[in-house]
Amino acid sequence: MGGLGFLWSVIVGLLAGAVAGRIMKGKGLGFFLNLIVGLIGSVIGGWVYNLLGVQSTGSVWGTLVMSTIGAIVLLYILSLLKKK
């Protein structure tokens, strides 16, 4: 099951990165950048959920929403740093 869990993490990370890229930039960022943004966004999303006291349902959809929110936060922070 460990290999399947890793595969789901990659798929969810890719989807979250693609969705966040479309929301923040209007287009995707490319396969590898979407994956990286989505995976880092998943960690950030988990941290934000924890700070707010929100618990993910543990489903794929709940994880995707959490990861996408985290990826959007990451892209927003990166856009602030890029403007300076």
Protein backbone atom coordinates (compact mmCIF):
# COMPACT_ATOMS: atom_id res chain seq x y z
CA MET A 1 0.00 0.00 0.00
CA GLY A 2 2.96 2.35 0.53
CA GLY A 3 3.67 2.53 -3.20
CA LEU A 4 0.04 3.27 -3.97
CA GLY A 5 -0.01 6.02 -1.32
CA PHE A 6 3.03 7.63 -2.96
CA LEU A 7 1.35 7.42 -6.36
CA TRP A 8 -1.80 9.11 -5.00
CA SER A 9 0.37 11.84 -3.44
CA VAL A 10 2.00 12.51 -6.80
CA ILE A 11 -1.36 12.55 -8.63
CA VAL A 12 -2.98 14.84 -6.06
CA GLY A 13 0.11 17.09 -6.05
CA LEU A 14 0.05 17.36 -9.82
CA LEU A 15 -3.65 18.18 -9.89
CA ALA A 16 -3.37 20.69 -7.03
CA GLY A 17 -0.43 22.42 -8.71
CA ALA A 18 -2.29 22.58 -12.04
CA VAL A 19 -5.44 24.01 -10.44
CA ALA A 20 -3.48 26.54 -8.39
CA GLY A 21 -1.44 27.54 -11.44
CA ARG A 22 -4.62 28.17 -13.43
CA ILE A 23 -6.17 30.17 -10.58
CA MET A 24 -3.12 32.31 -9.86
CA LYS A 25 -1.49 32.64 -13.28
CA GLY A 26 -4.32 31.85 -15.65
CA LYS A 27 -2.51 28.80 -17.03
CA GLY A 28 -0.66 25.73 -15.83
CA LEU A 29 3.00 25.90 -14.93
CA GLY A 30 4.15 22.77 -16.74
CA PHE A 31 4.28 19.19 -15.53
CA PHE A 32 7.25 19.36 -13.15
CA LEU A 33 6.49 22.79 -11.68
CA ASN A 34 2.85 21.78 -11.15
CA LEU A 35 4.05 18.68 -9.31
CA ILE A 36 6.52 20.58 -7.13
CA VAL A 37 4.05 23.38 -6.32
CA GLY A 38 1.32 20.83 -5.55
CA LEU A 39 3.50 18.71 -3.26
CA ILE A 40 4.83 21.72 -1.36
CA GLY A 41 1.30 23.13 -1.35
CA SER A 42 0.07 19.95 0.28
CA VAL A 43 2.45 20.51 3.17
CA ILE A 44 1.50 24.19 3.43
CA GLY A 45 -2.20 23.32 3.19
CA GLY A 46 -1.87 20.82 6.02
CA TRP A 47 -0.10 23.43 8.12
CA VAL A 48 -2.78 26.08 7.40
CA TYR A 49 -5.58 23.60 8.14
CA ASN A 50 -3.87 22.72 11.43
CA LEU A 51 -3.51 26.41 12.38
CA LEU A 52 -7.20 27.01 11.69
CA GLY A 53 -8.29 23.84 13.47
CA VAL A 54 -9.79 22.42 10.28
CA GLN A 55 -9.54 18.69 9.67
CA SER A 56 -9.43 17.20 6.22
CA THR A 57 -11.87 14.38 5.57
CA GLY A 58 -9.00 12.17 4.47
CA SER A 59 -10.68 11.56 1.14
CA VAL A 60 -8.95 12.25 -2.15
CA TRP A 61 -11.20 15.29 -2.71
CA GLY A 62 -10.49 16.69 0.76
CA THR A 63 -6.77 16.22 0.24
CA LEU A 64 -6.99 17.83 -3.21
CA VAL A 65 -8.77 20.90 -1.79
CA MET A 66 -6.25 21.18 1.06
CA SER A 67 -3.31 20.82 -1.35
CA THR A 68 -4.77 23.34 -3.78
CA ILE A 69 -5.27 25.92 -1.02
CA GLY A 70 -1.68 25.39 0.08
CA ALA A 71 -0.40 25.69 -3.50
CA ILE A 72 -2.34 28.94 -3.97
CA VAL A 73 -0.77 30.31 -0.77
CA LEU A 74 2.67 29.27 -2.04
CA LEU A 75 2.15 30.91 -5.45
CA TYR A 76 0.85 34.07 -3.78
CA ILE A 77 3.92 34.31 -1.53
CA LEU A 78 6.21 33.67 -4.50
CA SER A 79 4.43 36.42 -6.49
CA LEU A 80 5.03 38.88 -3.64
CA LEU A 81 8.73 38.00 -3.54
CA LYS A 82 9.04 38.18 -7.33
CA LYS A 83 7.64 41.74 -7.48
CA LYS A 84 10.39 43.11 -5.25
